[in-house]
Amino acid sequence: MTDKLKIVFSFLLFVAGIVGFYLLSDQALVLRILVILVGLGLASIVFWKTTLGQKTFGFINESIVEAKRVVWPTRKETIQMTITVFILVAVMAVFLALVDISFSYMINWLLGRG
């Protein structure tokens, strides 16, 4: 039950930060952004103390670690793949144009419009 209360309290802190941002509309933008960041920070701290929060932040950390393992293609590989895609698109455009023209010709021939 305490986890549910913490989650609700975390949500209320987050909403309070957003409401504070709009209530301070006549104040400096820096102060308004600070209010949102404080609300988000406090909400994150309270949420982190729950079981669901631990799982969520663990998932986020695992995602970051996995993203760092990604091997990006070199510039040469990127250029080669881009050229390959352009060539394939051109070939498919010509192929589909020929299919379209031939179907159009056949339909006109079948309907006697030719």
PDB file of N, CA and C in Angstrom:
ATOM      1  N   MET A   1       0.816  -1.195   0.000  1.00  0.00           N
ATOM      2  CA  MET A   1       0.000   0.000   0.000  1.00  0.00           C
ATOM      3  C   MET A   1       0.859   1.257   0.000  1.00  0.00           C
ATOM      4  N   THR A   2       1.995   1.196   0.664  1.00  0.00           N
ATOM      5  CA  THR A   2       2.833   2.396   0.717  1.00  0.00           C
ATOM      6  C   THR A   2       3.396   2.734  -0.658  1.00  0.00           C
ATOM      7  N   ASP A   3       3.634   1.716  -1.483  1.00  0.00           N
ATOM      8  CA  ASP A   3       4.119   1.985  -2.834  1.00  0.00           C
ATOM      9  C   ASP A   3       3.085   2.772  -3.630  1.00  0.00           C
ATOM     10  N   LYS A   4       1.821   2.400  -3.481  1.00  0.00           N
ATOM     11  CA  LYS A   4       0.768   3.108  -4.200  1.00  0.00           C
ATOM     12  C   LYS A   4       0.682   4.565  -3.743  1.00  0.00           C
ATOM     13  N   LEU A   5       0.802   4.780  -2.446  1.00  0.00           N
ATOM     14  CA  LEU A   5       0.767   6.149  -1.922  1.00  0.00           C
ATOM     15  C   LEU A   5       1.958   6.958  -2.425  1.00  0.00           C
ATOM     16  N   LYS A   6       3.114   6.327  -2.479  1.00  0.00           N
ATOM     17  CA  LYS A   6       4.299   7.025  -2.987  1.00  0.00           C
ATOM     18  C   LYS A   6       4.133   7.388  -4.462  1.00  0.00           C
ATOM     19  N   ILE A   7       3.548   6.480  -5.229  1.00  0.00           N
ATOM     20  CA  ILE A   7       3.330   6.759  -6.656  1.00  0.00           C
ATOM     21  C   ILE A   7       2.348   7.909  -6.821  1.00  0.00           C
ATOM     22  N   VAL A   8       1.270   7.901  -6.037  1.00  0.00           N
ATOM     23  CA  VAL A   8       0.294   8.989  -6.109  1.00  0.00           C
ATOM     24  C   VAL A   8       0.954  10.301  -5.689  1.00  0.00           C
ATOM     25  N   PHE A   9       1.735  10.275  -4.611  1.00  0.00           N
ATOM     26  CA  PHE A   9       2.424  11.473  -4.148  1.00  0.00           C
ATOM     27  C   PHE A   9       3.416  11.972  -5.202  1.00  0.00           C
ATOM     28  N   SER A  10       4.094  11.040  -5.849  1.00  0.00           N
ATOM     29  CA  SER A  10       5.027  11.402  -6.914  1.00  0.00           C
ATOM     30  C   SER A  10       4.294  12.083  -8.061  1.00  0.00           C
ATOM     31  N   PHE A  11       3.154  11.529  -8.440  1.00  0.00           N
ATOM     32  CA  PHE A  11       2.349  12.126  -9.506  1.00  0.00           C
ATOM     33  C   PHE A  11       1.872  13.518  -9.110  1.00  0.00           C
ATOM     34  N   LEU A  12       1.449  13.676  -7.857  1.00  0.00           N
ATOM     35  CA  LEU A  12       0.993  14.987  -7.387  1.00  0.00           C
ATOM     36  C   LEU A  12       2.124  16.013  -7.390  1.00  0.00           C
ATOM     37  N   LEU A  13       3.328  15.593  -7.046  1.00  0.00           N
ATOM     38  CA  LEU A  13       4.480  16.503  -7.102  1.00  0.00           C
ATOM     39  C   LEU A  13       4.756  16.941  -8.540  1.00  0.00           C
ATOM     40  N   PHE A  14       4.652  15.991  -9.459  1.00  0.00           N
ATOM     41  CA  PHE A  14       4.863  16.309 -10.867  1.00  0.00           C
ATOM     42  C   PHE A  14       3.809  17.303 -11.362  1.00  0.00           C
ATOM     43  N   VAL A  15       2.548  17.043 -11.016  1.00  0.00           N
ATOM     44  CA  VAL A  15       1.458  17.941 -11.408  1.00  0.00           C
ATOM     45  C   VAL A  15       1.641  19.309 -10.755  1.00  0.00           C
ATOM     46  N   ALA A  16       2.085  19.328  -9.509  1.00  0.00           N
ATOM     47  CA  ALA A  16       2.317  20.605  -8.820  1.00  0.00           C
ATOM     48  C   ALA A  16       3.384  21.421  -9.541  1.00  0.00           C
ATOM     49  N   GLY A  17       4.411  20.763 -10.049  1.00  0.00           N
ATOM     50  CA  GLY A  17       5.439  21.476 -10.808  1.00  0.00           C
ATOM     51  C   GLY A  17       4.866  22.101 -12.067  1.00  0.00           C
ATOM     52  N   ILE A  18       4.023  21.363 -12.761  1.00  0.00           N
ATOM     53  CA  ILE A  18       3.409  21.886 -13.988  1.00  0.00           C
ATOM     54  C   ILE A  18       2.442  23.026 -13.659  1.00  0.00           C
ATOM     55  N   VAL A  19       1.614  22.839 -12.629  1.00  0.00           N
ATOM     56  CA  VAL A  19       0.677  23.889 -12.230  1.00  0.00           C
ATOM     57  C   VAL A  19       1.439  25.136 -11.801  1.00  0.00           C
ATOM     58  N   GLY A  20       2.524  24.943 -11.048  1.00  0.00           N
ATOM     59  CA  GLY A  20       3.344  26.086 -10.628  1.00  0.00           C
ATOM     60  C   GLY A  20       3.921  26.837 -11.815  1.00  0.00           C
ATOM     61  N   PHE A  21       4.293  26.108 -12.852  1.00  0.00           N
ATOM     62  CA  PHE A  21       4.818  26.742 -14.063  1.00  0.00           C
ATOM     63  C   PHE A  21       3.787  27.704 -14.643  1.00  0.00           C
ATOM     64  N   TYR A  22       2.536  27.265 -14.710  1.00  0.00           N
ATOM     65  CA  TYR A  22       1.498  28.103 -15.311  1.00  0.00           C
ATOM     66  C   TYR A  22       0.999  29.184 -14.357  1.00  0.00           C
ATOM     67  N   LEU A  23       1.019  28.911 -13.060  1.00  0.00           N
ATOM     68  CA  LEU A  23       0.602  29.943 -12.102  1.00  0.00           C
ATOM     69  C   LEU A  23       1.601  31.097 -12.052  1.00  0.00           C
ATOM     70  N   LEU A  24       2.844  30.807 -12.344  1.00  0.00           N
ATOM     71  CA  LEU A  24       3.883  31.847 -12.325  1.00  0.00           C
ATOM     72  C   LEU A  24       4.108  32.432 -13.723  1.00  0.00           C
ATOM     73  N   SER A  25       3.062  32.508 -14.512  1.00  0.00           N
ATOM     74  CA  SER A  25       3.212  32.962 -15.896  1.00  0.00           C
ATOM     75  C   SER A  25       3.697  34.398 -16.000  1.00  0.00           C
ATOM     76  N   ASP A  26       3.491  35.190 -14.941  1.00  0.00           N
ATOM     77  CA  ASP A  26       3.957  36.578 -14.976  1.00  0.00           C
ATOM     78  C   ASP A  26       5.397  36.724 -14.474  1.00  0.00           C
ATOM     79  N   GLN A  27       6.002  35.630 -14.041  1.00  0.00           N
ATOM     80  CA  GLN A  27       7.374  35.643 -13.537  1.00  0.00           C
ATOM     81  C   GLN A  27       8.367  35.348 -14.660  1.00  0.00           C
ATOM     82  N   ALA A  28       9.634  35.445 -14.326  1.00  0.00           N
ATOM     83  CA  ALA A  28      10.688  35.176 -15.307  1.00  0.00           C
ATOM     84  C   ALA A  28      10.647  33.704 -15.721  1.00  0.00           C
ATOM     85  N   LEU A  29      11.008  33.465 -16.966  1.00  0.00           N
ATOM     86  CA  LEU A  29      10.990  32.107 -17.510  1.00  0.00           C
ATOM     87  C   LEU A  29      11.933  31.195 -16.737  1.00  0.00           C
ATOM     88  N   VAL A  30      13.041  31.725 -16.279  1.00  0.00           N
ATOM     89  CA  VAL A  30      14.013  30.915 -15.534  1.00  0.00           C
ATOM     90  C   VAL A  30      13.369  30.375 -14.260  1.00  0.00           C
ATOM     91  N   LEU A  31      12.610  31.206 -13.559  1.00  0.00           N
ATOM     92  CA  LEU A  31      11.941  30.775 -12.337  1.00  0.00           C
ATOM     93  C   LEU A  31      10.878  29.726 -12.643  1.00  0.00           C
ATOM     94  N   ARG A  32      10.149  29.912 -13.718  1.00  0.00           N
ATOM     95  CA  ARG A  32       9.111  28.959 -14.100  1.00  0.00           C
ATOM     96  C   ARG A  32       9.717  27.602 -14.438  1.00  0.00           C
ATOM     97  N   ILE A  33      10.821  27.605 -15.172  1.00  0.00           N
ATOM     98  CA  ILE A  33      11.499  26.343 -15.515  1.00  0.00           C
ATOM     99  C   ILE A  33      12.065  25.689 -14.263  1.00  0.00           C
ATOM    100  N   LEU A  34      12.573  26.501 -13.340  1.00  0.00           N
ATOM    101  CA  LEU A  34      13.099  25.974 -12.087  1.00  0.00           C
ATOM    102  C   LEU A  34      11.997  25.267 -11.293  1.00  0.00           C
ATOM    103  N   VAL A  35      10.799  25.842 -11.293  1.00  0.00           N
ATOM    104  CA  VAL A  35       9.678  25.219 -10.580  1.00  0.00           C
ATOM    105  C   VAL A  35       9.353  23.855 -11.180  1.00  0.00           C
ATOM    106  N   ILE A  36       9.328  23.772 -12.499  1.00  0.00           N
ATOM    107  CA  ILE A  36       9.055  22.476 -13.144  1.00  0.00           C
ATOM    108  C   ILE A  36      10.157  21.476 -12.824  1.00  0.00           C
ATOM    109  N   LEU A  37      11.412  21.913 -12.883  1.00  0.00           N
ATOM    110  CA  LEU A  37      12.515  20.994 -12.610  1.00  0.00           C
ATOM    111  C   LEU A  37      12.497  20.502 -11.174  1.00  0.00           C
ATOM    112  N   VAL A  38      12.156  21.387 -10.231  1.00  0.00           N
ATOM    113  CA  VAL A  38      12.068  20.964  -8.825  1.00  0.00           C
ATOM    114  C   VAL A  38      10.934  19.952  -8.658  1.00  0.00           C
ATOM    115  N   GLY A  39       9.783  20.237  -9.264  1.00  0.00           N
ATOM    116  CA  GLY A  39       8.663  19.298  -9.182  1.00  0.00           C
ATOM    117  C   GLY A  39       9.011  17.960  -9.787  1.00  0.00           C
ATOM    118  N   LEU A  40       9.645  17.979 -10.969  1.00  0.00           N
ATOM    119  CA  LEU A  40      10.047  16.734 -11.627  1.00  0.00           C
ATOM    120  C   LEU A  40      11.104  15.996 -10.810  1.00  0.00           C
ATOM    121  N   GLY A  41      12.056  16.741 -10.259  1.00  0.00           N
ATOM    122  CA  GLY A  41      13.108  16.120  -9.446  1.00  0.00           C
ATOM    123  C   GLY A  41      12.554  15.453  -8.198  1.00  0.00           C
ATOM    124  N   LEU A  42      11.692  16.177  -7.478  1.00  0.00           N
ATOM    125  CA  LEU A  42      11.097  15.596  -6.276  1.00  0.00           C
ATOM    126  C   LEU A  42      10.213  14.402  -6.623  1.00  0.00           C
ATOM    127  N   ALA A  43       9.459  14.503  -7.703  1.00  0.00           N
ATOM    128  CA  ALA A  43       8.613  13.388  -8.135  1.00  0.00           C
ATOM    129  C   ALA A  43       9.474  12.176  -8.484  1.00  0.00           C
ATOM    130  N   SER A  44      10.601  12.416  -9.140  1.00  0.00           N
ATOM    131  CA  SER A  44      11.496  11.313  -9.511  1.00  0.00           C
ATOM    132  C   SER A  44      12.084  10.647  -8.277  1.00  0.00           C
ATOM    133  N   ILE A  45      12.458  11.445  -7.290  1.00  0.00           N
ATOM    134  CA  ILE A  45      13.045  10.882  -6.066  1.00  0.00           C
ATOM    135  C   ILE A  45      12.024  10.015  -5.341  1.00  0.00           C
ATOM    136  N   VAL A  46      10.800  10.517  -5.214  1.00  0.00           N
ATOM    137  CA  VAL A  46       9.766   9.738  -4.529  1.00  0.00           C
ATOM    138  C   VAL A  46       9.432   8.483  -5.333  1.00  0.00           C
ATOM    139  N   PHE A  47       9.330   8.615  -6.656  1.00  0.00           N
ATOM    140  CA  PHE A  47       9.016   7.458  -7.507  1.00  0.00           C
ATOM    141  C   PHE A  47      10.136   6.421  -7.450  1.00  0.00           C
ATOM    142  N   TRP A  48      11.371   6.879  -7.346  1.00  0.00           N
ATOM    143  CA  TRP A  48      12.522   5.976  -7.295  1.00  0.00           C
ATOM    144  C   TRP A  48      12.478   5.083  -6.062  1.00  0.00           C
ATOM    145  N   LYS A  49      11.815   5.544  -5.009  1.00  0.00           N
ATOM    146  CA  LYS A  49      11.748   4.782  -3.763  1.00  0.00           C
ATOM    147  C   LYS A  49      10.713   3.659  -3.809  1.00  0.00           C
ATOM    148  N   THR A  50       9.961   3.539  -4.911  1.00  0.00           N
ATOM    149  CA  THR A  50       8.970   2.469  -5.035  1.00  0.00           C
ATOM    150  C   THR A  50       9.558   1.288  -5.803  1.00  0.00           C
ATOM    151  N   THR A  51       8.897   0.155  -5.708  1.00  0.00           N
ATOM    152  CA  THR A  51       9.330  -1.033  -6.450  1.00  0.00           C
ATOM    153  C   THR A  51       9.222  -0.792  -7.947  1.00  0.00           C
ATOM    154  N   LEU A  52       8.100  -0.206  -8.368  1.00  0.00           N
ATOM    155  CA  LEU A  52       7.911   0.105  -9.784  1.00  0.00           C
ATOM    156  C   LEU A  52       8.969   1.097 -10.267  1.00  0.00           C
ATOM    157  N   GLY A  53       9.294   2.060  -9.419  1.00  0.00           N
ATOM    158  CA  GLY A  53      10.325   3.034  -9.771  1.00  0.00           C
ATOM    159  C   GLY A  53      11.686   2.386  -9.943  1.00  0.00           C
ATOM    160  N   GLN A  54      12.025   1.459  -9.056  1.00  0.00           N
ATOM    161  CA  GLN A  54      13.300   0.750  -9.172  1.00  0.00           C
ATOM    162  C   GLN A  54      13.367  -0.026 -10.482  1.00  0.00           C
ATOM    163  N   LYS A  55      12.273  -0.692 -10.834  1.00  0.00           N
ATOM    164  CA  LYS A  55      12.247  -1.439 -12.099  1.00  0.00           C
ATOM    165  C   LYS A  55      12.351  -0.491 -13.292  1.00  0.00           C
ATOM    166  N   THR A  56      11.635   0.636 -13.215  1.00  0.00           N
ATOM    167  CA  THR A  56      11.645   1.593 -14.321  1.00  0.00           C
ATOM    168  C   THR A  56      13.024   2.191 -14.522  1.00  0.00           C
ATOM    169  N   PHE A  57      13.633   2.672 -13.449  1.00  0.00           N
ATOM    170  CA  PHE A  57      14.970   3.262 -13.572  1.00  0.00           C
ATOM    171  C   PHE A  57      16.009   2.214 -13.951  1.00  0.00           C
ATOM    172  N   GLY A  58      15.825   0.966 -13.488  1.00  0.00           N
ATOM    173  CA  GLY A  58      16.716  -0.115 -13.911  1.00  0.00           C
ATOM    174  C   GLY A  58      16.614  -0.370 -15.402  1.00  0.00           C
ATOM    175  N   PHE A  59      15.385  -0.351 -15.917  1.00  0.00           N
ATOM    176  CA  PHE A  59      15.176  -0.530 -17.355  1.00  0.00           C
ATOM    177  C   PHE A  59      15.825   0.600 -18.142  1.00  0.00           C
ATOM    178  N   ILE A  60      15.663   1.818 -17.663  1.00  0.00           N
ATOM    179  CA  ILE A  60      16.268   2.972 -18.349  1.00  0.00           C
ATOM    180  C   ILE A  60      17.786   2.841 -18.371  1.00  0.00           C
ATOM    181  N   ASN A  61      18.368   2.452 -17.253  1.00  0.00           N
ATOM    182  CA  ASN A  61      19.833   2.277 -17.199  1.00  0.00           C
ATOM    183  C   ASN A  61      20.297   1.170 -18.135  1.00  0.00           C
ATOM    184  N   GLU A  62      19.560   0.055 -18.177  1.00  0.00           N
ATOM    185  CA  GLU A  62      19.916  -1.036 -19.087  1.00  0.00           C
ATOM    186  C   GLU A  62      19.801  -0.591 -20.540  1.00  0.00           C
ATOM    187  N   SER A  63      18.809   0.232 -20.836  1.00  0.00           N
ATOM    188  CA  SER A  63      18.633   0.743 -22.198  1.00  0.00           C
ATOM    189  C   SER A  63      19.804   1.628 -22.601  1.00  0.00           C
ATOM    190  N   ILE A  64      20.262   2.457 -21.683  1.00  0.00           N
ATOM    191  CA  ILE A  64      21.408   3.334 -21.965  1.00  0.00           C
ATOM    192  C   ILE A  64      22.662   2.506 -22.209  1.00  0.00           C
ATOM    193  N   VAL A  65      22.870   1.486 -21.383  1.00  0.00           N
ATOM    194  CA  VAL A  65      24.039   0.619 -21.561  1.00  0.00           C
ATOM    195  C   VAL A  65      23.968  -0.085 -22.910  1.00  0.00           C
ATOM    196  N   GLU A  66      22.784  -0.565 -23.269  1.00  0.00           N
ATOM    197  CA  GLU A  66      22.615  -1.260 -24.553  1.00  0.00           C
ATOM    198  C   GLU A  66      22.835  -0.309 -25.723  1.00  0.00           C
ATOM    199  N   ALA A  67      22.368   0.922 -25.587  1.00  0.00           N
ATOM    200  CA  ALA A  67      22.549   1.902 -26.666  1.00  0.00           C
ATOM    201  C   ALA A  67      24.025   2.237 -26.865  1.00  0.00           C
ATOM    202  N   LYS A  68      24.806   2.173 -25.801  1.00  0.00           N
ATOM    203  CA  LYS A  68      26.245   2.439 -25.931  1.00  0.00           C
ATOM    204  C   LYS A  68      26.967   1.312 -26.662  1.00  0.00           C
ATOM    205  N   ARG A  69      26.358   0.123 -26.706  1.00  0.00           N
ATOM    206  CA  ARG A  69      26.977  -1.011 -27.387  1.00  0.00           C
ATOM    207  C   ARG A  69      26.744  -1.003 -28.898  1.00  0.00           C
ATOM    208  N   VAL A  70      25.866  -0.142 -29.351  1.00  0.00           N
ATOM    209  CA  VAL A  70      25.529  -0.096 -30.774  1.00  0.00           C
ATOM    210  C   VAL A  70      26.755   0.286 -31.585  1.00  0.00           C
ATOM    211  N   VAL A  71      26.999  -0.458 -32.649  1.00  0.00           N
ATOM    212  CA  VAL A  71      28.117  -0.160 -33.541  1.00  0.00           C
ATOM    213  C   VAL A  71      27.559   0.603 -34.734  1.00  0.00           C
ATOM    214  N   TRP A  72      27.963   1.844 -34.868  1.00  0.00           N
ATOM    215  CA  TRP A  72      27.465   2.682 -35.942  1.00  0.00           C
ATOM    216  C   TRP A  72      28.278   2.439 -37.203  1.00  0.00           C
ATOM    217  N   PRO A  73      27.631   2.515 -38.371  1.00  0.00           N
ATOM    218  CA  PRO A  73      28.381   2.302 -39.613  1.00  0.00           C
ATOM    219  C   PRO A  73      29.359   3.446 -39.868  1.00  0.00           C
ATOM    220  N   THR A  74      30.409   3.122 -40.597  1.00  0.00           N
ATOM    221  CA  THR A  74      31.386   4.154 -40.958  1.00  0.00           C
ATOM    222  C   THR A  74      30.792   5.043 -42.037  1.00  0.00           C
ATOM    223  N   ARG A  75      31.482   6.119 -42.323  1.00  0.00           N
ATOM    224  CA  ARG A  75      31.005   7.042 -43.359  1.00  0.00           C
ATOM    225  C   ARG A  75      30.938   6.330 -44.715  1.00  0.00           C
ATOM    226  N   LYS A  76      31.968   5.511 -44.999  1.00  0.00           N
ATOM    227  CA  LYS A  76      32.006   4.785 -46.273  1.00  0.00           C
ATOM    228  C   LYS A  76      30.819   3.830 -46.388  1.00  0.00           C
ATOM    229  N   GLU A  77      30.532   3.076 -45.319  1.00  0.00           N
ATOM    230  CA  GLU A  77      29.402   2.147 -45.338  1.00  0.00           C
ATOM    231  C   GLU A  77      28.076   2.887 -45.516  1.00  0.00           C
ATOM    232  N   THR A  78      27.957   4.025 -44.867  1.00  0.00           N
ATOM    233  CA  THR A  78      26.729   4.810 -44.984  1.00  0.00           C
ATOM    234  C   THR A  78      26.519   5.291 -46.410  1.00  0.00           C
ATOM    235  N   ILE A  79      27.575   5.783 -47.034  1.00  0.00           N
ATOM    236  CA  ILE A  79      27.477   6.265 -48.415  1.00  0.00           C
ATOM    237  C   ILE A  79      27.144   5.111 -49.357  1.00  0.00           C
ATOM    238  N   GLN A  80      27.793   3.954 -49.167  1.00  0.00           N
ATOM    239  CA  GLN A  80      27.522   2.793 -50.013  1.00  0.00           C
ATOM    240  C   GLN A  80      26.072   2.342 -49.892  1.00  0.00           C
ATOM    241  N   MET A  81      25.562   2.290 -48.675  1.00  0.00           N
ATOM    242  CA  MET A  81      24.174   1.864 -48.481  1.00  0.00           C
ATOM    243  C   MET A  81      23.191   2.888 -49.056  1.00  0.00           C
ATOM    244  N   THR A  82      23.517   4.168 -48.938  1.00  0.00           N
ATOM    245  CA  THR A  82      22.646   5.209 -49.503  1.00  0.00           C
ATOM    246  C   THR A  82      22.591   5.091 -51.013  1.00  0.00           C
ATOM    247  N   ILE A  83      23.738   4.880 -51.652  1.00  0.00           N
ATOM    248  CA  ILE A  83      23.775   4.716 -53.113  1.00  0.00           C
ATOM    249  C   ILE A  83      22.994   3.465 -53.515  1.00  0.00           C
ATOM    250  N   THR A  84      23.151   2.379 -52.750  1.00  0.00           N
ATOM    251  CA  THR A  84      22.424   1.147 -53.032  1.00  0.00           C
ATOM    252  C   THR A  84      20.914   1.372 -52.968  1.00  0.00           C
ATOM    253  N   VAL A  85      20.472   2.112 -51.964  1.00  0.00           N
ATOM    254  CA  VAL A  85      19.043   2.400 -51.825  1.00  0.00           C
ATOM    255  C   VAL A  85      18.554   3.232 -53.002  1.00  0.00           C
ATOM    256  N   PHE A  86      19.309   4.257 -53.399  1.00  0.00           N
ATOM    257  CA  PHE A  86      18.908   5.086 -54.536  1.00  0.00           C
ATOM    258  C   PHE A  86      18.804   4.261 -55.823  1.00  0.00           C
ATOM    259  N   ILE A  87      19.766   3.377 -56.038  1.00  0.00           N
ATOM    260  CA  ILE A  87      19.739   2.538 -57.238  1.00  0.00           C
ATOM    261  C   ILE A  87      18.525   1.612 -57.214  1.00  0.00           C
ATOM    262  N   LEU A  88      18.266   0.983 -56.070  1.00  0.00           N
ATOM    263  CA  LEU A  88      17.109   0.102 -55.963  1.00  0.00           C
ATOM    264  C   LEU A  88      15.805   0.855 -56.173  1.00  0.00           C
ATOM    265  N   VAL A  89      15.710   2.064 -55.656  1.00  0.00           N
ATOM    266  CA  VAL A  89      14.499   2.864 -55.853  1.00  0.00           C
ATOM    267  C   VAL A  89      14.318   3.179 -57.333  1.00  0.00           C
ATOM    268  N   ALA A  90      15.401   3.528 -58.009  1.00  0.00           N
ATOM    269  CA  ALA A  90      15.310   3.837 -59.446  1.00  0.00           C
ATOM    270  C   ALA A  90      14.899   2.601 -60.239  1.00  0.00           C
ATOM    271  N   VAL A  91      15.486   1.453 -59.935  1.00  0.00           N
ATOM    272  CA  VAL A  91      15.144   0.209 -60.634  1.00  0.00           C
ATOM    273  C   VAL A  91      13.673  -0.142 -60.407  1.00  0.00           C
ATOM    274  N   MET A  92      13.212  -0.031 -59.176  1.00  0.00           N
ATOM    275  CA  MET A  92      11.811  -0.337 -58.882  1.00  0.00           C
ATOM    276  C   MET A  92      10.874   0.657 -59.557  1.00  0.00           C
ATOM    277  N   ALA A  93      11.270   1.921 -59.650  1.00  0.00           N
ATOM    278  CA  ALA A  93      10.434   2.920 -60.330  1.00  0.00           C
ATOM    279  C   ALA A  93      10.288   2.576 -61.801  1.00  0.00           C
ATOM    280  N   VAL A  94      11.394   2.191 -62.431  1.00  0.00           N
ATOM    281  CA  VAL A  94      11.331   1.803 -63.846  1.00  0.00           C
ATOM    282  C   VAL A  94      10.479   0.548 -64.005  1.00  0.00           C
ATOM    283  N   PHE A  95      10.670  -0.438 -63.140  1.00  0.00           N
ATOM    284  CA  PHE A  95       9.906  -1.676 -63.214  1.00  0.00           C
ATOM    285  C   PHE A  95       8.409  -1.400 -63.060  1.00  0.00           C
ATOM    286  N   LEU A  96       8.041  -0.621 -62.052  1.00  0.00           N
ATOM    287  CA  LEU A  96       6.621  -0.330 -61.834  1.00  0.00           C
ATOM    288  C   LEU A  96       6.038   0.507 -62.965  1.00  0.00           C
ATOM    289  N   ALA A  97       6.838   1.402 -63.547  1.00  0.00           N
ATOM    290  CA  ALA A  97       6.361   2.175 -64.695  1.00  0.00           C
ATOM    291  C   ALA A  97       6.078   1.248 -65.872  1.00  0.00           C
ATOM    292  N   LEU A  98       6.976   0.282 -66.125  1.00  0.00           N
ATOM    293  CA  LEU A  98       6.756  -0.674 -67.207  1.00  0.00           C
ATOM    294  C   LEU A  98       5.527  -1.538 -66.948  1.00  0.00           C
ATOM    295  N   VAL A  99       5.343  -1.990 -65.734  1.00  0.00           N
ATOM    296  CA  VAL A  99       4.162  -2.789 -65.389  1.00  0.00           C
ATOM    297  C   VAL A  99       2.900  -1.958 -65.587  1.00  0.00           C
ATOM    298  N   ASP A 100       2.925  -0.715 -65.147  1.00  0.00           N
ATOM    299  CA  ASP A 100       1.770   0.161 -65.295  1.00  0.00           C
ATOM    300  C   ASP A 100       1.437   0.408 -66.765  1.00  0.00           C
ATOM    301  N   ILE A 101       2.453   0.684 -67.557  1.00  0.00           N
ATOM    302  CA  ILE A 101       2.237   0.924 -68.989  1.00  0.00           C
ATOM    303  C   ILE A 101       1.687  -0.328 -69.664  1.00  0.00           C
ATOM    304  N   SER A 102       2.255  -1.497 -69.321  1.00  0.00           N
ATOM    305  CA  SER A 102       1.787  -2.735 -69.958  1.00  0.00           C
ATOM    306  C   SER A 102       0.351  -3.062 -69.542  1.00  0.00           C
ATOM    307  N   PHE A 103       0.008  -2.873 -68.274  1.00  0.00           N
ATOM    308  CA  PHE A 103      -1.377  -3.103 -67.845  1.00  0.00           C
ATOM    309  C   PHE A 103      -2.322  -2.123 -68.532  1.00  0.00           C
ATOM    310  N   SER A 104      -1.912  -0.892 -68.642  1.00  0.00           N
ATOM    311  CA  SER A 104      -2.736   0.108 -69.309  1.00  0.00           C
ATOM    312  C   SER A 104      -2.959  -0.281 -70.768  1.00  0.00           C
ATOM    313  N   TYR A 105      -1.892  -0.727 -71.428  1.00  0.00           N
ATOM    314  CA  TYR A 105      -2.005  -1.158 -72.824  1.00  0.00           C
ATOM    315  C   TYR A 105      -2.949  -2.356 -72.943  1.00  0.00           C
ATOM    316  N   MET A 106      -2.804  -3.351 -72.037  1.00  0.00           N
ATOM    317  CA  MET A 106      -3.649  -4.540 -72.098  1.00  0.00           C
ATOM    318  C   MET A 106      -5.118  -4.204 -71.843  1.00  0.00           C
ATOM    319  N   ILE A 107      -5.388  -3.326 -70.899  1.00  0.00           N
ATOM    320  CA  ILE A 107      -6.773  -2.943 -70.596  1.00  0.00           C
ATOM    321  C   ILE A 107      -7.371  -2.232 -71.807  1.00  0.00           C
ATOM    322  N   ASN A 108      -6.623  -1.308 -72.395  1.00  0.00           N
ATOM    323  CA  ASN A 108      -7.119  -0.602 -73.571  1.00  0.00           C
ATOM    324  C   ASN A 108      -7.355  -1.566 -74.741  1.00  0.00           C
ATOM    325  N   TRP A 109      -6.480  -2.547 -74.907  1.00  0.00           N
ATOM    326  CA  TRP A 109      -6.637  -3.543 -75.967  1.00  0.00           C
ATOM    327  C   TRP A 109      -7.874  -4.408 -75.720  1.00  0.00           C
ATOM    328  N   LEU A 110      -8.058  -4.848 -74.435  1.00  0.00           N
ATOM    329  CA  LEU A 110      -9.217  -5.671 -74.112  1.00  0.00           C
ATOM    330  C   LEU A 110     -10.528  -4.911 -74.288  1.00  0.00           C
ATOM    331  N   LEU A 111     -10.544  -3.631 -73.996  1.00  0.00           N
ATOM    332  CA  LEU A 111     -11.760  -2.842 -74.112  1.00  0.00           C
ATOM    333  C   LEU A 111     -11.953  -2.293 -75.514  1.00  0.00           C
ATOM    334  N   GLY A 112     -11.005  -2.542 -76.412  1.00  0.00           N
ATOM    335  CA  GLY A 112     -11.112  -2.126 -77.791  1.00  0.00           C
ATOM    336  C   GLY A 112     -10.907  -0.631 -78.016  1.00  0.00           C
ATOM    337  N   ARG A 113     -10.153  -0.009 -77.154  1.00  0.00           N
ATOM    338  CA  ARG A 113      -9.901   1.433 -77.304  1.00  0.00           C
ATOM    339  C   ARG A 113      -8.600   1.693 -78.041  1.00  0.00           C
ATOM    340  N   GLY A 114      -7.900   0.652 -78.386  1.00  0.00           N
ATOM    341  CA  GLY A 114      -6.555   0.764 -78.867  1.00  0.00           C
ATOM    342  C   GLY A 114      -6.325   1.270 -80.221  1.00  0.00           C
TER     343      GLY A 114
END
